Amino acid sequence: MRIDVLTIFPSLFDSFLNESLLKKAIEKGIVDVRVHDLREYSCNKHKKVDDAPFGGGAGMVMTPQPIADAINALKGEALKKEGRSKTVLLDPGGKRFDQKLAKELSTFDRLILICGRYEGVDERIAENFADEVISIGDFILSGGEVAAMAVTEAVFRLLPGAIGNVESLEDESFERGFLEYPQYTRPEDFRGFKAPEVLLSGHHENIEKWRRQKALEKTARIRPDLLPDIAADIKFSIALVHYPVAGKSGNEMTSSVTTIDVHDLARIGKTFGAKTVYIVTPIEDQQRLVERIRMHWATEERLQQTDARRAAALDTIKVVSSMDEIIEGAKGKRIKLLATSATAMENAVSPAEWRKIAAQNPADEWVIVFGTAYGLGKSLVEKADSRLLPITGASEFNHLPVRAASAIILNSLIGRSKEKQ
């Protein structure tokens, strides 16, 4: 890979390029980093690269001519190996740089990194000459040089041969979607602070379990915003409860099963990866109805051929007489309940807070509980391990059907969308 850096302060890179692993990677020919002084491309007789902003305002703006000409000159050079190239403007208003983007950039054969200065770079560079604008964080630096170093460091480490021990890359923070586990070394006892015994045991399976647990706990504590990316690690099922549910006056009652709820909850649960979709009703006639629906789609070959996806979804259905039956049938696994409601519940948590709770104990299996009629009965809500904040719409009206509410809630809890609550 070749990385070209455009800057008005090339000497800032002297030490950076001549130390540690980057120096070795350059010497081995793994990466070729070249730093170019933008002033050398300026057509101004005084080698100016900045001017006052149109429309007035504080400070100066980097002019487009030196940057555009430098990019064109570099792209016109004959390379030993023609390949994919990308030009990146480093600017605080750009796309957030992360490990995923570093991996993407490492697949290119050539990067051109533009270091801004002053109040910024003439927008015509971003619009017409840069392929992408990248920011290393929500803060302001004096220029893009430190950002260019960060991008270079993150990218070159991913190149084959740059790092001796490939496993060290796999275990680092962000590589598996969460922060790296805590590290310890000699001495075992440092001034009364002891290293965890499990790391000294030599039991590799237990060490791996400990490291994963600690990585999840650390992520939940320090960077809960990363937890949506590991929502797939949360083991969960969903339950549609018909008893105990609240009646119109608040009393606990039993509601009737509807076939559309069975079909749609199965499809919703399958979409979000629920292990099982429980239909909870103590009424035997209703239980037989649910089982008849499930078996109809499981045994009718014609239906499986015409709508195989619906058949696969309905295969996740399991009818039970109570929530206790779910817990008692867990066979030694720890089941935890997450209660949902259209109204506010005491000690309710947001989806992000629940993911944080769930990540702390990845061995737990959660059942996300939805109520029919006027919501879950009080006795079941009190039994829940966690309670979820209600969905808030854009008006005072709040009366979603359970099918719609369950889809919205599961998307906020488990969905892949980055814009989570």
Protein backbone atom coordinates (compact mmCIF):
# COMPACT_ATOMS: atom_id res chain seq x y z
CA MET A 1 0.00 0.00 0.00
CA ARG A 2 1.07 3.58 -0.66
CA ILE A 3 -0.11 6.48 1.49
CA ASP A 4 0.45 10.07 0.31
CA VAL A 5 -0.04 12.83 2.89
CA LEU A 6 -0.66 16.43 1.82
CA THR A 7 0.26 18.97 4.50
CA ILE A 8 1.83 22.39 5.05
CA PHE A 9 3.88 21.00 7.96
CA PRO A 10 5.69 17.93 6.57
CA SER A 11 8.33 17.90 9.34
CA LEU A 12 5.65 16.90 11.84
CA PHE A 13 5.83 13.39 10.33
CA ASP A 14 9.59 12.88 10.68
CA SER A 15 9.53 11.14 14.05
CA PHE A 16 6.22 9.39 13.39
CA LEU A 17 7.57 7.60 10.32
CA ASN A 18 10.86 6.61 11.92
CA GLU A 19 9.75 4.79 15.05
CA SER A 20 8.32 1.43 16.11
CA LEU A 21 6.25 -0.90 13.92
CA LEU A 22 5.51 1.67 11.22
CA LYS A 23 9.23 2.14 10.55
CA LYS A 24 9.65 -1.64 10.24
CA ALA A 25 6.63 -1.90 7.92
CA ILE A 26 8.12 0.81 5.69
CA GLU A 27 11.52 -0.92 5.66
CA LYS A 28 9.88 -4.24 4.71
CA GLY A 29 7.99 -2.58 1.87
CA ILE A 30 4.61 -3.38 3.40
CA VAL A 31 3.60 0.27 3.26
CA ASP A 32 5.09 3.28 1.48
CA VAL A 33 4.30 6.59 3.20
CA ARG A 34 5.19 9.83 1.40
CA VAL A 35 4.65 13.29 2.84
CA HIS A 36 4.18 16.23 0.44
CA ASP A 37 4.47 19.92 1.21
CA LEU A 38 1.38 21.66 -0.20
CA ARG A 39 3.27 24.94 -0.53
CA GLU A 40 5.34 23.39 -3.32
CA TYR A 41 2.16 23.14 -5.38
CA SER A 42 1.03 26.73 -4.80
CA CYS A 43 0.94 29.04 -7.83
CA ASN A 44 1.19 32.06 -5.55
CA LYS A 45 4.61 33.74 -5.77
CA HIS A 46 4.77 33.81 -1.96
CA LYS A 47 3.66 30.16 -1.77
CA LYS A 48 0.48 31.08 0.07
CA VAL A 49 -2.03 28.32 0.61
CA ASP A 50 -4.77 30.27 2.43
CA ASP A 51 -7.02 33.29 1.97
CA ALA A 52 -9.89 35.14 3.64
CA PRO A 53 -13.32 33.44 3.50
CA PHE A 54 -15.97 34.75 1.11
CA GLY A 55 -18.83 36.32 3.05
CA GLY A 56 -16.52 37.37 5.87
CA GLY A 57 -15.76 35.62 9.12
CA ALA A 58 -12.86 34.84 11.40
CA GLY A 59 -9.66 33.17 10.29
CA MET A 60 -8.42 31.96 6.94
CA VAL A 61 -9.46 29.17 4.59
CA MET A 62 -7.13 26.86 2.67
CA THR A 63 -7.35 27.65 -1.03
CA PRO A 64 -8.32 24.88 -3.46
CA GLN A 65 -5.59 25.33 -6.07
CA PRO A 66 -2.57 23.81 -4.25
CA ILE A 67 -4.60 20.85 -2.99
CA ALA A 68 -6.27 20.13 -6.34
CA ASP A 69 -2.98 20.37 -8.23
CA ALA A 70 -1.23 18.13 -5.70
CA ILE A 71 -3.94 15.49 -6.00
CA ASN A 72 -3.85 15.63 -9.80
CA ALA A 73 -0.06 15.40 -9.84
CA LEU A 74 0.01 12.41 -7.52
CA LYS A 75 -2.72 10.60 -9.41
CA GLY A 76 -0.77 11.21 -12.63
CA GLU A 77 2.30 9.40 -11.31
CA ALA A 78 2.93 5.94 -12.68
CA LEU A 79 2.67 3.38 -9.91
CA LYS A 80 4.40 0.01 -9.74
CA LYS A 81 1.01 -1.58 -9.30
CA GLU A 82 -2.17 0.03 -10.53
CA GLY A 83 -5.04 -0.57 -8.14
CA ARG A 84 -7.80 0.93 -6.10
CA SER A 85 -7.17 4.45 -4.85
CA LYS A 86 -9.03 6.73 -2.45
CA THR A 87 -8.58 10.41 -1.64
CA VAL A 88 -9.58 11.40 1.90
CA LEU A 89 -10.03 14.88 3.36
CA LEU A 90 -9.50 14.93 7.12
CA ASP A 91 -12.04 17.31 8.60
CA PRO A 92 -14.05 17.44 11.88
CA GLY A 93 -17.24 17.59 9.82
CA GLY A 94 -16.62 14.24 8.17
CA LYS A 95 -17.70 10.64 8.70
CA ARG A 96 -16.60 9.22 12.05
CA PHE A 97 -13.45 7.11 11.73
CA ASP A 98 -13.62 3.71 13.42
CA GLN A 99 -12.15 0.23 13.14
CA LYS A 100 -14.65 -0.80 10.49
CA LEU A 101 -13.62 2.14 8.30
CA ALA A 102 -9.93 1.40 8.97
CA LYS A 103 -10.49 -2.13 7.64
CA GLU A 104 -12.23 -0.73 4.57
CA LEU A 105 -9.37 1.68 3.85
CA SER A 106 -6.79 -1.09 4.31
CA THR A 107 -8.21 -2.82 1.21
CA PHE A 108 -7.14 0.04 -1.06
CA ASP A 109 -3.79 0.06 -2.86
CA ARG A 110 -3.34 3.79 -2.38
CA LEU A 111 -4.61 6.49 -0.04
CA ILE A 112 -4.18 10.24 -0.42
CA LEU A 113 -4.75 12.00 2.91
CA ILE A 114 -5.40 15.76 2.87
CA CYS A 115 -4.56 17.61 6.10
CA GLY A 116 -6.64 20.74 6.59
CA ARG A 117 -5.55 23.81 8.57
CA TYR A 118 -6.88 27.18 9.68
CA GLU A 119 -10.70 27.47 9.53
CA GLY A 120 -10.88 24.59 7.09
CA VAL A 121 -10.54 23.75 3.41
CA ASP A 122 -12.42 25.34 0.51
CA GLU A 123 -15.55 23.19 0.15
CA ARG A 124 -14.90 22.60 -3.54
CA ILE A 125 -12.15 20.15 -2.55
CA ALA A 126 -14.59 17.98 -0.60
CA GLU A 127 -17.19 18.24 -3.34
CA ASN A 128 -15.01 17.60 -6.38
CA PHE A 129 -11.60 16.15 -5.46
CA ALA A 130 -11.98 14.05 -2.30
CA ASP A 131 -13.70 10.68 -2.38
CA GLU A 132 -14.56 10.84 1.32
CA VAL A 133 -14.36 13.23 4.27
CA ILE A 134 -13.32 11.62 7.56
CA SER A 135 -13.23 12.85 11.16
CA ILE A 136 -11.36 11.09 13.97
CA GLY A 137 -13.73 12.45 16.63
CA ASP A 138 -16.00 15.20 17.86
CA PHE A 139 -13.27 17.62 18.83
CA ILE A 140 -11.14 20.28 17.14
CA LEU A 141 -7.43 20.06 16.37
CA SER A 142 -5.15 22.74 14.95
CA GLY A 143 -4.85 20.72 11.77
CA GLY A 144 -5.35 17.37 10.09
CA GLU A 145 -1.82 16.08 10.65
CA VAL A 146 -2.58 14.23 13.89
CA ALA A 147 -5.69 12.80 12.23
CA ALA A 148 -3.60 11.63 9.26
CA MET A 149 -1.21 9.90 11.64
CA ALA A 150 -4.11 8.19 13.41
CA VAL A 151 -5.58 6.94 10.12
CA THR A 152 -2.17 5.78 8.89
CA GLU A 153 -1.46 3.93 12.15
CA ALA A 154 -4.86 2.24 12.22
CA VAL A 155 -4.70 1.20 8.57
CA PHE A 156 -1.12 -0.05 8.22
CA ARG A 157 -1.50 -2.39 11.24
CA LEU A 158 -4.15 -4.29 9.29
CA LEU A 159 -1.89 -4.96 6.31
CA PRO A 160 -0.54 -8.53 5.97
CA GLY A 161 2.84 -8.85 7.67
CA ALA A 162 2.68 -5.55 9.54
CA ILE A 163 1.97 -7.18 12.90
CA GLY A 164 3.90 -10.28 13.92
CA ASN A 165 1.15 -11.96 15.94
CA VAL A 166 -2.09 -11.89 13.96
CA GLU A 167 -4.05 -13.09 17.01
CA SER A 168 -3.23 -9.85 18.80
CA LEU A 169 -5.24 -7.99 16.14
CA GLU A 170 -8.25 -10.24 16.64
CA ASP A 171 -8.33 -9.67 20.40
CA GLU A 172 -8.05 -5.87 20.29
CA SER A 173 -10.83 -3.44 21.17
CA PHE A 174 -13.54 -3.05 18.50
CA GLU A 175 -12.39 -6.10 16.48
CA ARG A 176 -15.18 -8.24 17.92
CA GLY A 177 -17.63 -5.41 18.43
CA PHE A 178 -16.66 -4.54 22.00
CA LEU A 179 -13.73 -3.35 24.09
CA GLU A 180 -10.78 -5.58 24.81
CA TYR A 181 -10.68 -7.54 28.06
CA PRO A 182 -8.37 -6.33 30.91
CA GLN A 183 -4.70 -7.35 30.65
CA TYR A 184 -2.36 -8.37 33.49
CA THR A 185 1.33 -9.31 33.68
CA ARG A 186 4.04 -9.97 36.30
CA PRO A 187 4.21 -9.66 39.25
CA GLU A 188 1.18 -11.71 40.32
CA ASP A 189 0.87 -9.57 43.45
CA PHE A 190 1.70 -5.89 42.98
CA ARG A 191 1.60 -4.03 46.29
CA GLY A 192 -1.36 -6.03 47.47
CA PHE A 193 -3.24 -5.84 44.15
CA LYS A 194 -3.48 -9.38 42.80
CA ALA A 195 -3.99 -10.60 39.26
CA PRO A 196 -7.18 -12.69 38.77
CA GLU A 197 -6.60 -16.32 39.72
CA VAL A 198 -8.33 -17.64 36.60
CA LEU A 199 -5.57 -16.15 34.41
CA LEU A 200 -2.96 -18.08 36.40
CA SER A 201 -4.85 -21.38 36.27
CA GLY A 202 -3.75 -22.53 32.82
CA HIS A 203 -7.35 -23.57 32.07
CA HIS A 204 -7.75 -22.10 28.60
CA GLU A 205 -11.52 -22.56 28.34
CA ASN A 206 -12.12 -20.80 31.66
CA ILE A 207 -9.69 -18.04 30.69
CA GLU A 208 -11.56 -17.48 27.41
CA LYS A 209 -14.91 -17.34 29.22
CA TRP A 210 -13.48 -14.87 31.77
CA ARG A 211 -12.06 -12.65 29.05
CA ARG A 212 -15.31 -12.57 27.11
CA GLN A 213 -17.30 -11.79 30.25
CA LYS A 214 -14.93 -8.99 31.26
CA ALA A 215 -14.91 -7.55 27.75
CA LEU A 216 -18.71 -7.37 27.79
CA GLU A 217 -18.78 -5.85 31.28
CA LYS A 218 -16.15 -3.28 30.31
CA THR A 219 -18.05 -2.34 27.16
CA ALA A 220 -21.32 -2.05 29.07
CA ARG A 221 -19.68 0.18 31.68
CA ILE A 222 -17.54 2.43 29.46
CA ARG A 223 -18.99 2.28 25.93
CA PRO A 224 -22.63 1.15 26.09
CA ASP A 225 -23.12 2.73 22.66
CA LEU A 226 -21.20 -0.22 21.20
CA LEU A 227 -23.62 -2.77 22.59
CA PRO A 228 -26.11 -2.56 19.69
CA ASP A 229 -23.40 -4.12 17.56
CA ILE A 230 -23.32 -7.21 19.79
CA ALA A 231 -27.07 -7.51 20.28
CA ALA A 232 -26.86 -10.78 18.35
CA ASP A 233 -24.99 -12.25 21.33
CA ILE A 234 -28.05 -11.81 23.56
CA LYS A 235 -30.05 -15.02 23.86
CA PHE A 236 -33.76 -14.26 23.85
CA SER A 237 -37.26 -15.48 23.14
CA ILE A 238 -40.53 -13.57 23.11
CA ALA A 239 -43.84 -14.33 24.78
CA LEU A 240 -47.33 -13.14 23.91
CA VAL A 241 -49.28 -13.34 27.15
CA HIS A 242 -53.04 -13.90 27.39
CA TYR A 243 -52.99 -14.46 31.15
CA PRO A 244 -52.42 -12.64 33.40
CA VAL A 245 -53.31 -9.47 31.48
CA ALA A 246 -55.05 -6.29 32.56
CA GLY A 247 -58.71 -5.68 31.86
CA LYS A 248 -60.23 -2.27 31.15
CA SER A 249 -60.62 -1.56 34.86
CA GLY A 250 -57.14 -2.85 35.68
CA ASN A 251 -58.22 -6.21 37.06
CA GLU A 252 -56.34 -9.32 35.91
CA MET A 253 -58.11 -11.42 33.30
CA THR A 254 -57.62 -13.89 30.46
CA SER A 255 -57.83 -12.69 26.85
CA SER A 256 -58.56 -14.69 23.73
CA VAL A 257 -55.96 -15.85 21.23
CA THR A 258 -56.34 -14.41 17.72
CA THR A 259 -54.91 -16.17 14.70
CA ILE A 260 -53.45 -12.97 13.27
CA ASP A 261 -51.46 -12.41 16.48
CA VAL A 262 -50.04 -15.94 16.23
CA HIS A 263 -49.01 -15.49 12.60
CA ASP A 264 -47.57 -12.00 12.99
CA LEU A 265 -45.73 -12.59 16.28
CA ALA A 266 -44.09 -15.64 14.72
CA ARG A 267 -42.92 -13.59 11.74
CA ILE A 268 -41.72 -10.73 13.93
CA GLY A 269 -39.87 -13.06 16.29
CA LYS A 270 -38.20 -14.90 13.40
CA THR A 271 -37.14 -11.59 11.82
CA PHE A 272 -35.28 -10.48 14.94
CA GLY A 273 -33.81 -13.86 15.80
CA ALA A 274 -35.99 -14.98 18.72
CA LYS A 275 -35.21 -18.55 19.75
CA THR A 276 -38.85 -19.32 20.58
CA VAL A 277 -42.14 -17.45 20.27
CA TYR A 278 -44.27 -18.44 23.24
CA ILE A 279 -48.04 -18.11 23.19
CA VAL A 280 -49.13 -18.06 26.84
CA THR A 281 -52.70 -19.12 27.61
CA PRO A 282 -54.14 -21.40 30.31
CA ILE A 283 -57.27 -22.21 28.26
CA GLU A 284 -56.98 -25.66 26.67
CA ASP A 285 -59.21 -24.84 23.68
CA GLN A 286 -56.99 -21.87 22.90
CA GLN A 287 -53.87 -24.00 23.27
CA ARG A 288 -55.27 -26.50 20.77
CA LEU A 289 -56.07 -23.65 18.36
CA VAL A 290 -52.46 -22.41 18.42
CA GLU A 291 -51.07 -25.91 18.03
CA ARG A 292 -53.45 -26.59 15.13
CA ILE A 293 -52.20 -23.48 13.33
CA ARG A 294 -48.59 -24.47 13.86
CA MET A 295 -49.08 -28.07 12.76
CA HIS A 296 -51.12 -27.00 9.73
CA TRP A 297 -48.14 -25.08 8.38
CA ALA A 298 -45.65 -27.72 9.50
CA THR A 299 -47.35 -30.66 7.78
CA GLU A 300 -49.05 -29.20 4.71
CA GLU A 301 -46.49 -29.53 1.91
CA ARG A 302 -48.49 -27.20 -0.34
CA LEU A 303 -48.29 -24.38 2.21
CA GLN A 304 -44.58 -24.91 2.73
CA GLN A 305 -44.02 -24.59 -0.99
CA THR A 306 -46.18 -21.49 -1.47
CA ASP A 307 -44.95 -19.61 1.63
CA ALA A 308 -41.88 -21.32 3.08
CA ARG A 309 -40.92 -18.25 5.09
CA ARG A 310 -44.21 -18.17 6.97
CA ALA A 311 -43.91 -21.90 7.64
CA ALA A 312 -40.39 -21.37 9.05
CA ALA A 313 -41.64 -18.54 11.27
CA LEU A 314 -44.56 -20.57 12.64
CA ASP A 315 -42.15 -23.38 13.47
CA THR A 316 -40.79 -21.15 16.30
CA ILE A 317 -44.21 -21.11 18.03
CA LYS A 318 -44.60 -22.94 21.33
CA VAL A 319 -47.79 -22.79 23.37
CA VAL A 320 -47.53 -22.86 27.19
CA SER A 321 -50.05 -22.48 29.96
CA SER A 322 -48.11 -19.93 32.03
CA MET A 323 -44.84 -17.98 32.32
CA ASP A 324 -43.85 -20.33 35.13
CA GLU A 325 -43.90 -23.19 32.64
CA ILE A 326 -41.30 -21.35 30.55
CA ILE A 327 -39.04 -20.79 33.56
CA GLU A 328 -39.44 -24.32 34.91
CA GLY A 329 -38.71 -25.83 31.49
CA ALA A 330 -35.39 -24.02 31.14
CA LYS A 331 -33.39 -27.09 32.24
CA GLY A 332 -30.88 -25.34 34.45
CA LYS A 333 -30.59 -22.20 32.33
CA ARG A 334 -31.26 -18.88 34.03
CA ILE A 335 -34.32 -17.23 32.50
CA LYS A 336 -34.90 -13.51 32.95
CA LEU A 337 -38.05 -11.60 32.04
CA LEU A 338 -38.26 -8.20 30.36
CA ALA A 339 -41.74 -6.71 30.76
CA THR A 340 -43.16 -4.28 28.18
CA SER A 341 -46.07 -1.89 28.51
CA ALA A 342 -47.79 1.03 26.80
CA THR A 343 -47.70 2.89 30.12
CA ALA A 344 -44.81 3.90 32.35
CA MET A 345 -43.61 1.29 34.85
CA GLU A 346 -41.55 1.77 37.99
CA ASN A 347 -37.77 1.44 37.49
CA ALA A 348 -38.18 1.07 33.73
CA VAL A 349 -35.05 1.12 31.56
CA SER A 350 -34.32 2.28 28.01
CA PRO A 351 -33.36 -0.21 25.27
CA ALA A 352 -29.69 0.82 25.59
CA GLU A 353 -29.79 0.33 29.36
CA TRP A 354 -31.33 -3.11 28.92
CA ARG A 355 -28.61 -4.14 26.46
CA LYS A 356 -26.08 -3.05 29.06
CA ILE A 357 -27.78 -5.25 31.67
CA ALA A 358 -28.05 -8.20 29.30
CA ALA A 359 -24.41 -7.93 28.20
CA GLN A 360 -23.16 -8.20 31.77
CA ASN A 361 -24.42 -11.79 32.00
CA PRO A 362 -24.30 -13.31 28.51
CA ALA A 363 -25.22 -16.77 29.81
CA ASP A 364 -28.70 -15.55 30.78
CA GLU A 365 -31.62 -16.20 28.45
CA TRP A 366 -34.19 -13.44 28.28
CA VAL A 367 -37.88 -13.66 27.51
CA ILE A 368 -39.29 -10.37 26.22
CA VAL A 369 -42.89 -10.33 27.38
CA PHE A 370 -45.76 -8.65 25.52
CA GLY A 371 -49.28 -8.37 26.87
CA THR A 372 -52.62 -8.56 25.07
CA ALA A 373 -55.87 -6.81 26.16
CA TYR A 374 -54.82 -3.74 28.23
CA GLY A 375 -51.30 -4.95 28.90
CA LEU A 376 -49.53 -7.32 31.25
CA GLY A 377 -51.12 -8.09 34.59
CA LYS A 378 -49.65 -6.44 37.65
CA SER A 379 -48.51 -9.75 39.15
CA LEU A 380 -46.44 -10.54 36.05
CA VAL A 381 -44.91 -7.06 35.86
CA GLU A 382 -43.80 -7.39 39.48
CA LYS A 383 -42.16 -10.73 38.68
CA ALA A 384 -40.11 -9.30 35.79
CA ASP A 385 -36.35 -8.83 36.18
CA SER A 386 -36.42 -5.65 34.07
CA ARG A 387 -39.13 -3.35 32.73
CA LEU A 388 -38.88 -1.42 29.49
CA LEU A 389 -39.81 2.20 28.95
CA PRO A 390 -42.94 2.57 26.79
CA ILE A 391 -42.89 3.56 23.15
CA THR A 392 -43.41 7.31 22.73
CA GLY A 393 -45.05 8.51 19.56
CA ALA A 394 -45.49 12.01 18.15
CA SER A 395 -48.90 12.62 19.77
CA GLU A 396 -50.77 11.97 22.99
CA PHE A 397 -52.55 9.01 21.40
CA ASN A 398 -50.97 5.78 22.59
CA HIS A 399 -52.84 2.64 21.58
CA LEU A 400 -50.69 0.51 19.28
CA PRO A 401 -51.74 -3.04 18.47
CA VAL A 402 -49.43 -5.57 20.14
CA ARG A 403 -48.13 -6.71 16.74
CA ALA A 404 -46.92 -3.22 15.84
CA ALA A 405 -45.59 -2.51 19.32
CA SER A 406 -43.62 -5.76 19.45
CA ALA A 407 -41.92 -5.03 16.11
CA ILE A 408 -40.95 -1.50 17.19
CA ILE A 409 -39.66 -2.70 20.55
CA LEU A 410 -37.63 -5.58 19.11
CA ASN A 411 -36.06 -3.25 16.56
CA SER A 412 -34.99 -0.88 19.34
CA LEU A 413 -33.62 -3.75 21.44
CA ILE A 414 -32.13 -6.15 18.92
CA GLY A 415 -32.27 -4.58 15.45
CA ARG A 416 -29.14 -3.72 13.50
CA SER A 417 -29.99 -0.03 13.15
CA LYS A 418 -27.30 2.27 14.53
CA GLU A 419 -29.82 4.87 15.60
CA LYS A 420 -30.90 3.18 18.83
CA GLN A 421 -32.41 4.68 21.94
